[in-house]
Amino acid sequence: QVQLVESGGGLVQPGGSLRLSCVASGIPFSIYGVSWYRQPPGKEREWVATVISAGSGTTYADSVKGRFTISRNNALSTTYLQMSSLKPEDTAVYYCSMFVGGVRAWGQGTQVTVSS
């Protein structure tokens, strides 16, 4: 059974940067794609970015393109989300997710707050 644990969230000023991490266990990590989602306060959860299993293919939501970078280290079973030029509208709980065995698995989430 896949387990996902996110970390790295916190409070940051507008224009600042944060790096989120997601460690996976219970699966052969390298063969699966990994995605980041976020849920702003009072809104629906939305997709942010995906990195494919080979690690070289990435896609981003238009709202974060050019500011966020998703990457992975298969040796550490870890996925990263480097966030730069943060805006107040990036405030949300961020989740990593993997689609394994026909089921979408989620981590517990990590809070990111962008505020002065």
PDB file of N, CA and C in Angstrom:
ATOM      1  N   GLN A   1       0.855  -1.188   0.000  1.00  0.00           N
ATOM      2  CA  GLN A   1       0.000   0.000   0.000  1.00  0.00           C
ATOM      3  C   GLN A   1       0.892   1.239   0.000  1.00  0.00           C
ATOM      4  N   VAL A   2       0.605   2.147  -0.912  1.00  0.00           N
ATOM      5  CA  VAL A   2       1.433   3.331  -1.033  1.00  0.00           C
ATOM      6  C   VAL A   2       1.156   4.304   0.117  1.00  0.00           C
ATOM      7  N   GLN A   3       2.216   4.888   0.640  1.00  0.00           N
ATOM      8  CA  GLN A   3       2.118   5.947   1.642  1.00  0.00           C
ATOM      9  C   GLN A   3       2.913   7.140   1.147  1.00  0.00           C
ATOM     10  N   LEU A   4       2.309   8.323   1.287  1.00  0.00           N
ATOM     11  CA  LEU A   4       2.925   9.561   0.829  1.00  0.00           C
ATOM     12  C   LEU A   4       2.986  10.534   2.000  1.00  0.00           C
ATOM     13  N   VAL A   5       4.156  11.145   2.202  1.00  0.00           N
ATOM     14  CA  VAL A   5       4.328  12.079   3.306  1.00  0.00           C
ATOM     15  C   VAL A   5       4.959  13.361   2.768  1.00  0.00           C
ATOM     16  N   GLU A   6       4.193  14.464   2.873  1.00  0.00           N
ATOM     17  CA  GLU A   6       4.680  15.755   2.409  1.00  0.00           C
ATOM     18  C   GLU A   6       5.332  16.528   3.553  1.00  0.00           C
ATOM     19  N   SER A   7       6.220  17.431   3.191  1.00  0.00           N
ATOM     20  CA  SER A   7       6.849  18.323   4.169  1.00  0.00           C
ATOM     21  C   SER A   7       7.340  19.572   3.442  1.00  0.00           C
ATOM     22  N   GLY A   8       7.708  20.591   4.227  1.00  0.00           N
ATOM     23  CA  GLY A   8       8.319  21.781   3.643  1.00  0.00           C
ATOM     24  C   GLY A   8       7.425  23.006   3.588  1.00  0.00           C
ATOM     25  N   GLY A   9       6.172  22.863   3.969  1.00  0.00           N
ATOM     26  CA  GLY A   9       5.281  24.010   3.948  1.00  0.00           C
ATOM     27  C   GLY A   9       5.629  25.017   5.040  1.00  0.00           C
ATOM     28  N   GLY A  10       4.963  26.175   4.968  1.00  0.00           N
ATOM     29  CA  GLY A  10       5.200  27.192   5.980  1.00  0.00           C
ATOM     30  C   GLY A  10       4.660  28.534   5.550  1.00  0.00           C
ATOM     31  N   LEU A  11       5.061  29.555   6.279  1.00  0.00           N
ATOM     32  CA  LEU A  11       4.665  30.933   5.995  1.00  0.00           C
ATOM     33  C   LEU A  11       5.794  31.628   5.245  1.00  0.00           C
ATOM     34  N   VAL A  12       5.470  32.276   4.142  1.00  0.00           N
ATOM     35  CA  VAL A  12       6.467  32.962   3.334  1.00  0.00           C
ATOM     36  C   VAL A  12       5.875  34.266   2.826  1.00  0.00           C
ATOM     37  N   GLN A  13       6.724  35.264   2.647  1.00  0.00           N
ATOM     38  CA  GLN A  13       6.269  36.553   2.133  1.00  0.00           C
ATOM     39  C   GLN A  13       6.067  36.494   0.619  1.00  0.00           C
ATOM     40  N   PRO A  14       5.209  37.329   0.084  1.00  0.00           N
ATOM     41  CA  PRO A  14       5.052  37.391  -1.379  1.00  0.00           C
ATOM     42  C   PRO A  14       6.396  37.629  -2.056  1.00  0.00           C
ATOM     43  N   GLY A  15       6.620  36.890  -3.140  1.00  0.00           N
ATOM     44  CA  GLY A  15       7.886  36.948  -3.844  1.00  0.00           C
ATOM     45  C   GLY A  15       8.910  35.953  -3.355  1.00  0.00           C
ATOM     46  N   GLY A  16       8.621  35.297  -2.255  1.00  0.00           N
ATOM     47  CA  GLY A  16       9.553  34.338  -1.674  1.00  0.00           C
ATOM     48  C   GLY A  16       9.480  32.972  -2.314  1.00  0.00           C
ATOM     49  N   SER A  17      10.255  32.039  -1.745  1.00  0.00           N
ATOM     50  CA  SER A  17      10.357  30.689  -2.286  1.00  0.00           C
ATOM     51  C   SER A  17      10.202  29.655  -1.186  1.00  0.00           C
ATOM     52  N   LEU A  18       9.739  28.477  -1.581  1.00  0.00           N
ATOM     53  CA  LEU A  18       9.662  27.315  -0.706  1.00  0.00           C
ATOM     54  C   LEU A  18       9.902  26.078  -1.550  1.00  0.00           C
ATOM     55  N   ARG A  19      10.431  25.022  -0.921  1.00  0.00           N
ATOM     56  CA  ARG A  19      10.524  23.739  -1.590  1.00  0.00           C
ATOM     57  C   ARG A  19       9.777  22.694  -0.777  1.00  0.00           C
ATOM     58  N   LEU A  20       8.801  22.088  -1.425  1.00  0.00           N
ATOM     59  CA  LEU A  20       8.048  21.003  -0.800  1.00  0.00           C
ATOM     60  C   LEU A  20       8.662  19.669  -1.198  1.00  0.00           C
ATOM     61  N   SER A  21       8.558  18.702  -0.285  1.00  0.00           N
ATOM     62  CA  SER A  21       9.037  17.341  -0.547  1.00  0.00           C
ATOM     63  C   SER A  21       7.911  16.354  -0.297  1.00  0.00           C
ATOM     64  N   CYS A  22       7.957  15.253  -1.013  1.00  0.00           N
ATOM     65  CA  CYS A  22       6.990  14.169  -0.828  1.00  0.00           C
ATOM     66  C   CYS A  22       7.743  12.853  -0.913  1.00  0.00           C
ATOM     67  N   VAL A  23       7.754  12.124   0.187  1.00  0.00           N
ATOM     68  CA  VAL A  23       8.429  10.823   0.232  1.00  0.00           C
ATOM     69  C   VAL A  23       7.393   9.723   0.105  1.00  0.00           C
ATOM     70  N   ALA A  24       7.635   8.800  -0.814  1.00  0.00           N
ATOM     71  CA  ALA A  24       6.727   7.680  -1.047  1.00  0.00           C
ATOM     72  C   ALA A  24       7.316   6.384  -0.494  1.00  0.00           C
ATOM     73  N   SER A  25       6.451   5.495  -0.048  1.00  0.00           N
ATOM     74  CA  SER A  25       6.887   4.176   0.401  1.00  0.00           C
ATOM     75  C   SER A  25       5.817   3.157   0.059  1.00  0.00           C
ATOM     76  N   GLY A  26       6.226   1.874   0.027  1.00  0.00           N
ATOM     77  CA  GLY A  26       5.278   0.799  -0.210  1.00  0.00           C
ATOM     78  C   GLY A  26       5.081   0.427  -1.658  1.00  0.00           C
ATOM     79  N   ILE A  27       5.798   1.089  -2.573  1.00  0.00           N
ATOM     80  CA  ILE A  27       5.653   0.822  -4.006  1.00  0.00           C
ATOM     81  C   ILE A  27       7.002   0.963  -4.694  1.00  0.00           C
ATOM     82  N   PRO A  28       7.125   0.399  -5.910  1.00  0.00           N
ATOM     83  CA  PRO A  28       8.328   0.666  -6.724  1.00  0.00           C
ATOM     84  C   PRO A  28       8.213   2.056  -7.327  1.00  0.00           C
ATOM     85  N   PHE A  29       8.681   3.043  -6.596  1.00  0.00           N
ATOM     86  CA  PHE A  29       8.434   4.459  -6.876  1.00  0.00           C
ATOM     87  C   PHE A  29       8.764   4.855  -8.318  1.00  0.00           C
ATOM     88  N   SER A  30       9.852   4.331  -8.854  1.00  0.00           N
ATOM     89  CA  SER A  30      10.379   4.854 -10.114  1.00  0.00           C
ATOM     90  C   SER A  30       9.466   4.606 -11.310  1.00  0.00           C
ATOM     91  N   ILE A  31       8.515   3.694 -11.205  1.00  0.00           N
ATOM     92  CA  ILE A  31       7.707   3.367 -12.380  1.00  0.00           C
ATOM     93  C   ILE A  31       6.420   4.182 -12.452  1.00  0.00           C
ATOM     94  N   TYR A  32       6.181   5.032 -11.461  1.00  0.00           N
ATOM     95  CA  TYR A  32       4.931   5.790 -11.426  1.00  0.00           C
ATOM     96  C   TYR A  32       5.167   7.282 -11.571  1.00  0.00           C
ATOM     97  N   GLY A  33       4.227   7.945 -12.232  1.00  0.00           N
ATOM     98  CA  GLY A  33       4.217   9.390 -12.229  1.00  0.00           C
ATOM     99  C   GLY A  33       3.740   9.924 -10.884  1.00  0.00           C
ATOM    100  N   VAL A  34       4.088  11.175 -10.606  1.00  0.00           N
ATOM    101  CA  VAL A  34       3.696  11.811  -9.352  1.00  0.00           C
ATOM    102  C   VAL A  34       3.158  13.204  -9.673  1.00  0.00           C
ATOM    103  N   SER A  35       2.111  13.576  -8.968  1.00  0.00           N
ATOM    104  CA  SER A  35       1.507  14.895  -9.174  1.00  0.00           C
ATOM    105  C   SER A  35       1.428  15.660  -7.859  1.00  0.00           C
ATOM    106  N   TRP A  36       1.412  16.967  -7.972  1.00  0.00           N
ATOM    107  CA  TRP A  36       1.098  17.855  -6.856  1.00  0.00           C
ATOM    108  C   TRP A  36      -0.253  18.505  -7.147  1.00  0.00           C
ATOM    109  N   TYR A  37      -1.076  18.581  -6.103  1.00  0.00           N
ATOM    110  CA  TYR A  37      -2.342  19.276  -6.139  1.00  0.00           C
ATOM    111  C   TYR A  37      -2.331  20.292  -4.994  1.00  0.00           C
ATOM    112  N   ARG A  38      -3.299  21.205  -5.033  1.00  0.00           N
ATOM    113  CA  ARG A  38      -3.441  22.138  -3.908  1.00  0.00           C
ATOM    114  C   ARG A  38      -4.917  22.463  -3.712  1.00  0.00           C
ATOM    115  N   GLN A  39      -5.239  22.815  -2.479  1.00  0.00           N
ATOM    116  CA  GLN A  39      -6.613  23.204  -2.155  1.00  0.00           C
ATOM    117  C   GLN A  39      -6.577  24.525  -1.401  1.00  0.00           C
ATOM    118  N   PRO A  40      -6.903  25.630  -2.095  1.00  0.00           N
ATOM    119  CA  PRO A  40      -6.963  26.926  -1.424  1.00  0.00           C
ATOM    120  C   PRO A  40      -8.121  26.947  -0.427  1.00  0.00           C
ATOM    121  N   PRO A  41      -8.075  27.819   0.549  1.00  0.00           N
ATOM    122  CA  PRO A  41      -9.160  27.879   1.537  1.00  0.00           C
ATOM    123  C   PRO A  41     -10.494  28.169   0.875  1.00  0.00           C
ATOM    124  N   GLY A  42     -11.486  27.342   1.162  1.00  0.00           N
ATOM    125  CA  GLY A  42     -12.822  27.536   0.641  1.00  0.00           C
ATOM    126  C   GLY A  42     -13.022  27.167  -0.815  1.00  0.00           C
ATOM    127  N   LYS A  43     -12.002  26.527  -1.425  1.00  0.00           N
ATOM    128  CA  LYS A  43     -12.099  26.189  -2.839  1.00  0.00           C
ATOM    129  C   LYS A  43     -11.862  24.694  -3.064  1.00  0.00           C
ATOM    130  N   GLU A  44     -12.107  24.263  -4.306  1.00  0.00           N
ATOM    131  CA  GLU A  44     -11.891  22.876  -4.661  1.00  0.00           C
ATOM    132  C   GLU A  44     -10.394  22.586  -4.826  1.00  0.00           C
ATOM    133  N   ARG A  45     -10.045  21.322  -4.665  1.00  0.00           N
ATOM    134  CA  ARG A  45      -8.671  20.899  -4.908  1.00  0.00           C
ATOM    135  C   ARG A  45      -8.377  21.026  -6.401  1.00  0.00           C
ATOM    136  N   GLU A  46      -7.167  21.494  -6.735  1.00  0.00           N
ATOM    137  CA  GLU A  46      -6.801  21.698  -8.131  1.00  0.00           C
ATOM    138  C   GLU A  46      -5.429  21.109  -8.409  1.00  0.00           C
ATOM    139  N   TRP A  47      -5.272  20.650  -9.626  1.00  0.00           N
ATOM    140  CA  TRP A  47      -3.997  20.083 -10.059  1.00  0.00           C
ATOM    141  C   TRP A  47      -2.977  21.196 -10.256  1.00  0.00           C
ATOM    142  N   VAL A  48      -1.716  20.911  -9.878  1.00  0.00           N
ATOM    143  CA  VAL A  48      -0.643  21.893  -9.986  1.00  0.00           C
ATOM    144  C   VAL A  48       0.417  21.460 -11.005  1.00  0.00           C
ATOM    145  N   ALA A  49       0.916  20.230 -10.862  1.00  0.00           N
ATOM    146  CA  ALA A  49       2.019  19.785 -11.729  1.00  0.00           C
ATOM    147  C   ALA A  49       2.152  18.272 -11.660  1.00  0.00           C
ATOM    148  N   THR A  50       2.744  17.698 -12.711  1.00  0.00           N
ATOM    149  CA  THR A  50       2.998  16.266 -12.790  1.00  0.00           C
ATOM    150  C   THR A  50       4.381  16.011 -13.359  1.00  0.00           C
ATOM    151  N   VAL A  51       5.065  15.003 -12.814  1.00  0.00           N
ATOM    152  CA  VAL A  51       6.320  14.516 -13.389  1.00  0.00           C
ATOM    153  C   VAL A  51       6.120  13.037 -13.711  1.00  0.00           C
ATOM    154  N   ILE A  52       6.510  12.646 -14.933  1.00  0.00           N
ATOM    155  CA  ILE A  52       6.303  11.251 -15.339  1.00  0.00           C
ATOM    156  C   ILE A  52       7.356  10.364 -14.694  1.00  0.00           C
ATOM    157  N   SER A  53       7.191   9.062 -14.883  1.00  0.00           N
ATOM    158  CA  SER A  53       8.053   8.111 -14.188  1.00  0.00           C
ATOM    159  C   SER A  53       9.519   8.274 -14.570  1.00  0.00           C
ATOM    160  N   ALA A  54       9.784   8.603 -15.831  1.00  0.00           N
ATOM    161  CA  ALA A  54      11.173   8.734 -16.266  1.00  0.00           C
ATOM    162  C   ALA A  54      11.820  10.001 -15.744  1.00  0.00           C
ATOM    163  N   GLY A  55      10.999  10.938 -15.255  1.00  0.00           N
ATOM    164  CA  GLY A  55      11.551  12.123 -14.620  1.00  0.00           C
ATOM    165  C   GLY A  55      11.834  13.284 -15.539  1.00  0.00           C
ATOM    166  N   SER A  56      11.825  13.075 -16.843  1.00  0.00           N
ATOM    167  CA  SER A  56      12.176  14.166 -17.736  1.00  0.00           C
ATOM    168  C   SER A  56      10.953  14.860 -18.319  1.00  0.00           C
ATOM    169  N   GLY A  57       9.787  14.276 -18.154  1.00  0.00           N
ATOM    170  CA  GLY A  57       8.577  14.882 -18.673  1.00  0.00           C
ATOM    171  C   GLY A  57       7.784  15.521 -17.556  1.00  0.00           C
ATOM    172  N   THR A  58       7.482  16.817 -17.701  1.00  0.00           N
ATOM    173  CA  THR A  58       6.736  17.542 -16.677  1.00  0.00           C
ATOM    174  C   THR A  58       5.652  18.383 -17.330  1.00  0.00           C
ATOM    175  N   THR A  59       4.569  18.588 -16.607  1.00  0.00           N
ATOM    176  CA  THR A  59       3.503  19.476 -17.061  1.00  0.00           C
ATOM    177  C   THR A  59       3.045  20.312 -15.872  1.00  0.00           C
ATOM    178  N   TYR A  60       2.531  21.509 -16.172  1.00  0.00           N
ATOM    179  CA  TYR A  60       2.164  22.466 -15.141  1.00  0.00           C
ATOM    180  C   TYR A  60       0.826  23.134 -15.454  1.00  0.00           C
ATOM    181  N   ALA A  61       0.122  23.485 -14.401  1.00  0.00           N
ATOM    182  CA  ALA A  61      -1.048  24.344 -14.552  1.00  0.00           C
ATOM    183  C   ALA A  61      -0.579  25.725 -15.005  1.00  0.00           C
ATOM    184  N   ASP A  62      -1.400  26.388 -15.782  1.00  0.00           N
ATOM    185  CA  ASP A  62      -1.021  27.712 -16.289  1.00  0.00           C
ATOM    186  C   ASP A  62      -0.723  28.689 -15.153  1.00  0.00           C
ATOM    187  N   SER A  63      -1.419  28.526 -14.043  1.00  0.00           N
ATOM    188  CA  SER A  63      -1.276  29.468 -12.930  1.00  0.00           C
ATOM    189  C   SER A  63       0.099  29.405 -12.262  1.00  0.00           C
ATOM    190  N   VAL A  64       0.845  28.313 -12.464  1.00  0.00           N
ATOM    191  CA  VAL A  64       2.152  28.168 -11.811  1.00  0.00           C
ATOM    192  C   VAL A  64       3.295  28.040 -12.814  1.00  0.00           C
ATOM    193  N   LYS A  65       2.985  27.960 -14.086  1.00  0.00           N
ATOM    194  CA  LYS A  65       4.016  27.764 -15.108  1.00  0.00           C
ATOM    195  C   LYS A  65       5.028  28.902 -15.064  1.00  0.00           C
ATOM    196  N   GLY A  66       6.306  28.528 -15.075  1.00  0.00           N
ATOM    197  CA  GLY A  66       7.364  29.522 -15.018  1.00  0.00           C
ATOM    198  C   GLY A  66       7.770  29.919 -13.612  1.00  0.00           C
ATOM    199  N   ARG A  67       6.981  29.529 -12.606  1.00  0.00           N
ATOM    200  CA  ARG A  67       7.296  29.853 -11.202  1.00  0.00           C
ATOM    201  C   ARG A  67       7.581  28.603 -10.378  1.00  0.00           C
ATOM    202  N   PHE A  68       6.939  27.498 -10.707  1.00  0.00           N
ATOM    203  CA  PHE A  68       7.098  26.249  -9.968  1.00  0.00           C
ATOM    204  C   PHE A  68       7.854  25.243 -10.823  1.00  0.00           C
ATOM    205  N   THR A  69       8.643  24.397 -10.158  1.00  0.00           N
ATOM    206  CA  THR A  69       9.358  23.323 -10.836  1.00  0.00           C
ATOM    207  C   THR A  69       9.168  22.020 -10.070  1.00  0.00           C
ATOM    208  N   ILE A  70       8.666  20.996 -10.768  1.00  0.00           N
ATOM    209  CA  ILE A  70       8.517  19.673 -10.160  1.00  0.00           C
ATOM    210  C   ILE A  70       9.685  18.804 -10.594  1.00  0.00           C
ATOM    211  N   SER A  71      10.188  18.003  -9.658  1.00  0.00           N
ATOM    212  CA  SER A  71      11.298  17.110  -9.980  1.00  0.00           C
ATOM    213  C   SER A  71      11.208  15.889  -9.070  1.00  0.00           C
ATOM    214  N   ARG A  72      12.048  14.892  -9.350  1.00  0.00           N
ATOM    215  CA  ARG A  72      12.000  13.690  -8.537  1.00  0.00           C
ATOM    216  C   ARG A  72      13.387  13.089  -8.412  1.00  0.00           C
ATOM    217  N   ASN A  73      13.612  12.389  -7.315  1.00  0.00           N
ATOM    218  CA  ASN A  73      14.833  11.624  -7.083  1.00  0.00           C
ATOM    219  C   ASN A  73      14.394  10.193  -6.820  1.00  0.00           C
ATOM    220  N   ASN A  74      14.519   9.345  -7.824  1.00  0.00           N
ATOM    221  CA  ASN A  74      14.016   7.974  -7.691  1.00  0.00           C
ATOM    222  C   ASN A  74      14.794   7.180  -6.643  1.00  0.00           C
ATOM    223  N   ALA A  75      16.064   7.493  -6.462  1.00  0.00           N
ATOM    224  CA  ALA A  75      16.867   6.780  -5.461  1.00  0.00           C
ATOM    225  C   ALA A  75      16.352   7.034  -4.047  1.00  0.00           C
ATOM    226  N   LEU A  76      15.741   8.207  -3.848  1.00  0.00           N
ATOM    227  CA  LEU A  76      15.210   8.574  -2.531  1.00  0.00           C
ATOM    228  C   LEU A  76      13.697   8.444  -2.448  1.00  0.00           C
ATOM    229  N   SER A  77      13.066   7.988  -3.550  1.00  0.00           N
ATOM    230  CA  SER A  77      11.600   7.878  -3.605  1.00  0.00           C
ATOM    231  C   SER A  77      10.938   9.199  -3.214  1.00  0.00           C
ATOM    232  N   THR A  78      11.499  10.286  -3.691  1.00  0.00           N
ATOM    233  CA  THR A  78      11.064  11.614  -3.278  1.00  0.00           C
ATOM    234  C   THR A  78      10.756  12.483  -4.494  1.00  0.00           C
ATOM    235  N   THR A  79       9.695  13.236  -4.363  1.00  0.00           N
ATOM    236  CA  THR A  79       9.313  14.224  -5.361  1.00  0.00           C
ATOM    237  C   THR A  79       9.376  15.605  -4.713  1.00  0.00           C
ATOM    238  N   TYR A  80       9.792  16.594  -5.494  1.00  0.00           N
ATOM    239  CA  TYR A  80       9.937  17.948  -4.995  1.00  0.00           C
ATOM    240  C   TYR A  80       9.052  18.907  -5.784  1.00  0.00           C
ATOM    241  N   LEU A  81       8.646  19.973  -5.121  1.00  0.00           N
ATOM    242  CA  LEU A  81       7.985  21.077  -5.805  1.00  0.00           C
ATOM    243  C   LEU A  81       8.690  22.351  -5.345  1.00  0.00           C
ATOM    244  N   GLN A  82       9.536  22.894  -6.217  1.00  0.00           N
ATOM    245  CA  GLN A  82      10.219  24.150  -5.946  1.00  0.00           C
ATOM    246  C   GLN A  82       9.308  25.283  -6.367  1.00  0.00           C
ATOM    247  N   MET A  83       8.956  26.149  -5.420  1.00  0.00           N
ATOM    248  CA  MET A  83       8.014  27.231  -5.689  1.00  0.00           C
ATOM    249  C   MET A  83       8.734  28.562  -5.511  1.00  0.00           C
ATOM    250  N   SER A  84       8.677  29.390  -6.530  1.00  0.00           N
ATOM    251  CA  SER A  84       9.338  30.694  -6.493  1.00  0.00           C
ATOM    252  C   SER A  84       8.326  31.772  -6.867  1.00  0.00           C
ATOM    253  N   SER A  85       8.704  33.018  -6.610  1.00  0.00           N
ATOM    254  CA  SER A  85       7.832  34.163  -6.920  1.00  0.00           C
ATOM    255  C   SER A  85       6.426  33.916  -6.385  1.00  0.00           C
ATOM    256  N   LEU A  86       6.348  33.479  -5.150  1.00  0.00           N
ATOM    257  CA  LEU A  86       5.057  33.106  -4.574  1.00  0.00           C
ATOM    258  C   LEU A  86       4.133  34.298  -4.423  1.00  0.00           C
ATOM    259  N   LYS A  87       2.848  34.033  -4.617  1.00  0.00           N
ATOM    260  CA  LYS A  87       1.805  35.046  -4.546  1.00  0.00           C
ATOM    261  C   LYS A  87       0.814  34.666  -3.452  1.00  0.00           C
ATOM    262  N   PRO A  88       0.083  35.628  -2.921  1.00  0.00           N
ATOM    263  CA  PRO A  88      -0.930  35.289  -1.913  1.00  0.00           C
ATOM    264  C   PRO A  88      -1.923  34.235  -2.410  1.00  0.00           C
ATOM    265  N   GLU A  89      -2.217  34.237  -3.695  1.00  0.00           N
ATOM    266  CA  GLU A  89      -3.172  33.259  -4.236  1.00  0.00           C
ATOM    267  C   GLU A  89      -2.606  31.850  -4.311  1.00  0.00           C
ATOM    268  N   ASP A  90      -1.318  31.682  -4.010  1.00  0.00           N
ATOM    269  CA  ASP A  90      -0.739  30.347  -3.911  1.00  0.00           C
ATOM    270  C   ASP A  90      -0.996  29.714  -2.538  1.00  0.00           C
ATOM    271  N   THR A  91      -1.574  30.475  -1.627  1.00  0.00           N
ATOM    272  CA  THR A  91      -1.900  29.948  -0.306  1.00  0.00           C
ATOM    273  C   THR A  91      -2.867  28.772  -0.428  1.00  0.00           C
ATOM    274  N   ALA A  92      -2.486  27.641   0.136  1.00  0.00           N
ATOM    275  CA  ALA A  92      -3.292  26.422   0.007  1.00  0.00           C
ATOM    276  C   ALA A  92      -2.640  25.304   0.814  1.00  0.00           C
ATOM    277  N   VAL A  93      -3.383  24.223   0.975  1.00  0.00           N
ATOM    278  CA  VAL A  93      -2.791  22.965   1.420  1.00  0.00           C
ATOM    279  C   VAL A  93      -2.336  22.225   0.163  1.00  0.00           C
ATOM    280  N   TYR A  94      -1.075  21.832   0.153  1.00  0.00           N
ATOM    281  CA  TYR A  94      -0.485  21.161  -1.002  1.00  0.00           C
ATOM    282  C   TYR A  94      -0.386  19.661  -0.730  1.00  0.00           C
ATOM    283  N   TYR A  95      -0.817  18.877  -1.722  1.00  0.00           N
ATOM    284  CA  TYR A  95      -0.838  17.422  -1.603  1.00  0.00           C
ATOM    285  C   TYR A  95      -0.040  16.788  -2.745  1.00  0.00           C
ATOM    286  N   CYS A  96       0.702  15.742  -2.444  1.00  0.00           N
ATOM    287  CA  CYS A  96       1.237  14.938  -3.536  1.00  0.00           C
ATOM    288  C   CYS A  96       0.329  13.732  -3.721  1.00  0.00           C
ATOM    289  N   SER A  97       0.362  13.183  -4.930  1.00  0.00           N
ATOM    290  CA  SER A  97      -0.580  12.135  -5.286  1.00  0.00           C
ATOM    291  C   SER A  97       0.023  11.223  -6.335  1.00  0.00           C
ATOM    292  N   MET A  98      -0.316   9.927  -6.217  1.00  0.00           N
ATOM    293  CA  MET A  98       0.102   8.940  -7.204  1.00  0.00           C
ATOM    294  C   MET A  98      -1.084   8.048  -7.534  1.00  0.00           C
ATOM    295  N   PHE A  99      -1.173   7.634  -8.798  1.00  0.00           N
ATOM    296  CA  PHE A  99      -2.252   6.754  -9.249  1.00  0.00           C
ATOM    297  C   PHE A  99      -1.670   5.356  -9.343  1.00  0.00           C
ATOM    298  N   VAL A 100      -2.032   4.523  -8.382  1.00  0.00           N
ATOM    299  CA  VAL A 100      -1.426   3.196  -8.256  1.00  0.00           C
ATOM    300  C   VAL A 100      -2.518   2.146  -8.178  1.00  0.00           C
ATOM    301  N   GLY A 101      -2.447   1.149  -9.082  1.00  0.00           N
ATOM    302  CA  GLY A 101      -3.407   0.059  -9.031  1.00  0.00           C
ATOM    303  C   GLY A 101      -4.844   0.514  -9.189  1.00  0.00           C
ATOM    304  N   GLY A 102      -5.060   1.551  -9.998  1.00  0.00           N
ATOM    305  CA  GLY A 102      -6.416   2.026 -10.229  1.00  0.00           C
ATOM    306  C   GLY A 102      -6.977   2.912  -9.143  1.00  0.00           C
ATOM    307  N   VAL A 103      -6.153   3.259  -8.182  1.00  0.00           N
ATOM    308  CA  VAL A 103      -6.600   4.098  -7.062  1.00  0.00           C
ATOM    309  C   VAL A 103      -5.664   5.291  -6.945  1.00  0.00           C
ATOM    310  N   ARG A 104      -6.236   6.473  -6.737  1.00  0.00           N
ATOM    311  CA  ARG A 104      -5.401   7.667  -6.514  1.00  0.00           C
ATOM    312  C   ARG A 104      -5.115   7.788  -5.026  1.00  0.00           C
ATOM    313  N   ALA A 105      -3.849   7.752  -4.704  1.00  0.00           N
ATOM    314  CA  ALA A 105      -3.416   7.882  -3.306  1.00  0.00           C
ATOM    315  C   ALA A 105      -2.994   9.317  -3.024  1.00  0.00           C
ATOM    316  N   TRP A 106      -3.214   9.746  -1.791  1.00  0.00           N
ATOM    317  CA  TRP A 106      -2.912  11.116  -1.371  1.00  0.00           C
ATOM    318  C   TRP A 106      -2.074  11.113  -0.097  1.00  0.00           C
ATOM    319  N   GLY A 107      -1.244  12.138   0.026  1.00  0.00           N
ATOM    320  CA  GLY A 107      -0.588  12.379   1.293  1.00  0.00           C
ATOM    321  C   GLY A 107      -1.510  13.176   2.201  1.00  0.00           C
ATOM    322  N   GLN A 108      -0.995  13.545   3.376  1.00  0.00           N
ATOM    323  CA  GLN A 108      -1.815  14.254   4.349  1.00  0.00           C
ATOM    324  C   GLN A 108      -1.855  15.753   4.080  1.00  0.00           C
ATOM    325  N   GLY A 109      -0.944  16.236   3.225  1.00  0.00           N
ATOM    326  CA  GLY A 109      -0.921  17.644   2.868  1.00  0.00           C
ATOM    327  C   GLY A 109       0.020  18.463   3.737  1.00  0.00           C
ATOM    328  N   THR A 110       0.467  19.574   3.175  1.00  0.00           N
ATOM    329  CA  THR A 110       1.308  20.514   3.914  1.00  0.00           C
ATOM    330  C   THR A 110       0.832  21.933   3.588  1.00  0.00           C
ATOM    331  N   GLN A 111       0.687  22.750   4.618  1.00  0.00           N
ATOM    332  CA  GLN A 111       0.116  24.089   4.456  1.00  0.00           C
ATOM    333  C   GLN A 111       1.174  25.068   3.961  1.00  0.00           C
ATOM    334  N   VAL A 112       0.819  25.817   2.928  1.00  0.00           N
ATOM    335  CA  VAL A 112       1.650  26.918   2.433  1.00  0.00           C
ATOM    336  C   VAL A 112       0.826  28.201   2.558  1.00  0.00           C
ATOM    337  N   THR A 113       1.372  29.175   3.261  1.00  0.00           N
ATOM    338  CA  THR A 113       0.705  30.458   3.423  1.00  0.00           C
ATOM    339  C   THR A 113       1.623  31.558   2.923  1.00  0.00           C
ATOM    340  N   VAL A 114       1.130  32.334   1.962  1.00  0.00           N
ATOM    341  CA  VAL A 114       1.897  33.435   1.386  1.00  0.00           C
ATOM    342  C   VAL A 114       1.250  34.737   1.856  1.00  0.00           C
ATOM    343  N   SER A 115       1.952  35.438   2.718  1.00  0.00           N
ATOM    344  CA  SER A 115       1.375  36.636   3.317  1.00  0.00           C
ATOM    345  C   SER A 115       2.481  37.531   3.849  1.00  0.00           C
ATOM    346  N   SER A 116       2.234  38.826   3.808  1.00  0.00           N
ATOM    347  CA  SER A 116       3.190  39.781   4.379  1.00  0.00           C
ATOM    348  C   SER A 116       2.798  40.115   5.824  1.00  0.00           C
TER     349      SER A 116
END
